[in-house]
Amino acid sequence: MFFKKSSKKTANIIILHGENGEKIYEGAFSALSLRESLILNKCIEYFNDQNPCFIHRSASVNRILFELEEGLKALSSGQNTSYKWDELEDGFKNILYGEKPIAAVSVKWNEQI
């Protein structure tokens, strides 16, 4: 009569590889850190808000990460795969660009965590 919920959780994982093959980031798309300038630019684009409140900031971050995740999922046809930095579209590069140079991006879909 009562059903036990499965304790197995899955997540879509993104891995950013540095120039020497080191992992710069490995984790869920939703936990990926974004540049402040990107967040502010998107707040202006989405809400015409140059001094965004928490609600506009979090909505912008969620939308950016959702578009990144869905875009990479469509590009990879939902298959675990890796891309060299030069193979990625500029839109993806703009979102992922950070302090450390990125040489490759890997995605793993529905990974058990």
Protein backbone atom coordinates (compact mmCIF):
# COMPACT_ATOMS: atom_id res chain seq x y z
CA MET A 1 0.00 0.00 0.00
CA PHE A 2 2.82 2.40 0.76
CA PHE A 3 5.53 2.86 -1.77
CA LYS A 4 9.09 3.52 -0.82
CA LYS A 5 10.65 6.30 -2.81
CA SER A 6 13.83 5.43 -4.59
CA SER A 7 16.85 6.88 -2.84
CA LYS A 8 18.77 7.00 -6.10
CA LYS A 9 19.07 10.52 -7.44
CA THR A 10 20.31 11.53 -10.85
CA ALA A 11 21.68 14.78 -12.19
CA ASN A 12 23.03 16.17 -15.41
CA ILE A 13 26.74 16.76 -14.90
CA ILE A 14 29.09 19.16 -16.66
CA ILE A 15 32.87 18.86 -16.45
CA LEU A 16 35.17 21.71 -17.44
CA HIS A 17 38.71 20.60 -18.31
CA GLY A 18 41.73 22.90 -18.18
CA GLU A 19 44.56 23.13 -20.68
CA ASN A 20 46.56 20.44 -18.85
CA GLY A 21 43.62 18.06 -18.56
CA GLU A 22 42.84 19.02 -14.97
CA LYS A 23 39.22 19.32 -13.89
CA ILE A 24 38.29 22.94 -13.27
CA TYR A 25 34.72 22.05 -12.35
CA GLU A 26 32.70 18.85 -12.08
CA GLY A 27 29.14 18.99 -10.89
CA ALA A 28 25.53 19.71 -11.66
CA PHE A 29 24.68 22.43 -14.14
CA SER A 30 22.58 24.12 -11.45
CA ALA A 31 25.64 24.61 -9.20
CA LEU A 32 27.87 26.14 -11.87
CA SER A 33 29.21 29.59 -10.92
CA LEU A 34 28.64 32.37 -13.42
CA ARG A 35 30.50 35.63 -13.96
CA GLU A 36 28.92 38.66 -12.35
CA SER A 37 29.14 40.61 -15.61
CA LEU A 38 27.17 37.88 -17.42
CA ILE A 39 24.45 37.88 -14.75
CA LEU A 40 24.14 41.67 -14.85
CA ASN A 41 24.02 41.75 -18.66
CA LYS A 42 21.27 39.14 -18.68
CA CYS A 43 19.30 41.02 -16.00
CA ILE A 44 19.36 44.06 -18.26
CA GLU A 45 18.41 41.95 -21.30
CA TYR A 46 15.60 40.02 -19.61
CA PHE A 47 14.22 42.62 -17.17
CA ASN A 48 15.73 45.97 -18.21
CA ASP A 49 17.08 46.06 -14.65
CA GLN A 50 20.54 47.60 -14.17
CA ASN A 51 20.45 47.15 -10.41
CA PRO A 52 18.73 43.76 -10.11
CA CYS A 53 17.01 42.49 -7.01
CA PHE A 54 17.52 38.96 -5.76
CA ILE A 55 14.48 37.72 -7.68
CA HIS A 56 15.71 39.07 -11.03
CA ARG A 57 19.26 37.83 -10.37
CA SER A 58 18.14 34.30 -9.50
CA ALA A 59 15.69 34.17 -12.41
CA SER A 60 18.47 35.25 -14.78
CA VAL A 61 20.91 32.68 -13.39
CA ASN A 62 18.31 29.92 -13.65
CA ARG A 63 17.48 30.86 -17.23
CA ILE A 64 21.16 31.03 -18.26
CA LEU A 65 21.89 27.61 -16.75
CA PHE A 66 18.72 26.10 -18.20
CA GLU A 67 19.58 27.37 -21.69
CA LEU A 68 23.15 26.05 -21.35
CA GLU A 69 21.97 22.64 -20.20
CA GLU A 70 19.25 22.30 -22.83
CA GLY A 71 21.53 23.59 -25.58
CA LEU A 72 24.27 21.09 -24.76
CA LYS A 73 21.69 18.31 -24.44
CA ALA A 74 20.36 19.10 -27.93
CA LEU A 75 23.90 19.33 -29.33
CA SER A 76 24.86 15.96 -27.86
CA SER A 77 21.50 14.29 -28.60
CA GLY A 78 21.35 13.36 -24.91
CA GLN A 79 24.50 11.23 -25.12
CA ASN A 80 27.47 11.52 -22.76
CA THR A 81 30.12 13.31 -24.77
CA SER A 82 33.04 15.75 -24.74
CA TYR A 83 33.77 18.82 -26.82
CA LYS A 84 36.97 20.70 -27.41
CA TRP A 85 36.63 24.39 -26.57
CA ASP A 86 36.96 25.37 -30.25
CA GLU A 87 34.05 23.09 -31.21
CA LEU A 88 31.55 24.92 -28.98
CA GLU A 89 29.27 27.69 -30.18
CA ASP A 90 30.11 31.21 -28.99
CA GLY A 91 26.96 31.35 -26.84
CA PHE A 92 28.17 28.38 -24.77
CA LYS A 93 31.67 29.83 -24.54
CA ASN A 94 30.31 33.14 -23.30
CA ILE A 95 28.47 31.41 -20.46
CA LEU A 96 31.32 29.08 -19.48
CA TYR A 97 34.22 31.52 -19.82
CA GLY A 98 35.90 32.06 -16.47
CA GLU A 99 39.17 32.86 -14.75
CA LYS A 100 40.92 29.67 -15.87
CA PRO A 101 41.26 28.75 -19.56
CA ILE A 102 38.95 25.90 -20.57
CA ALA A 103 40.22 23.37 -23.12
CA ALA A 104 37.28 20.94 -23.17
CA VAL A 105 33.76 20.43 -21.86
CA SER A 106 32.22 17.04 -21.04
CA VAL A 107 28.59 16.29 -20.27
CA LYS A 108 27.06 13.29 -18.54
CA TRP A 109 23.29 12.96 -18.62
CA ASN A 110 21.27 11.38 -15.81
CA GLU A 111 24.30 10.42 -13.74
CA GLN A 112 23.61 8.80 -10.41
CA ILE A 113 24.69 10.99 -7.51
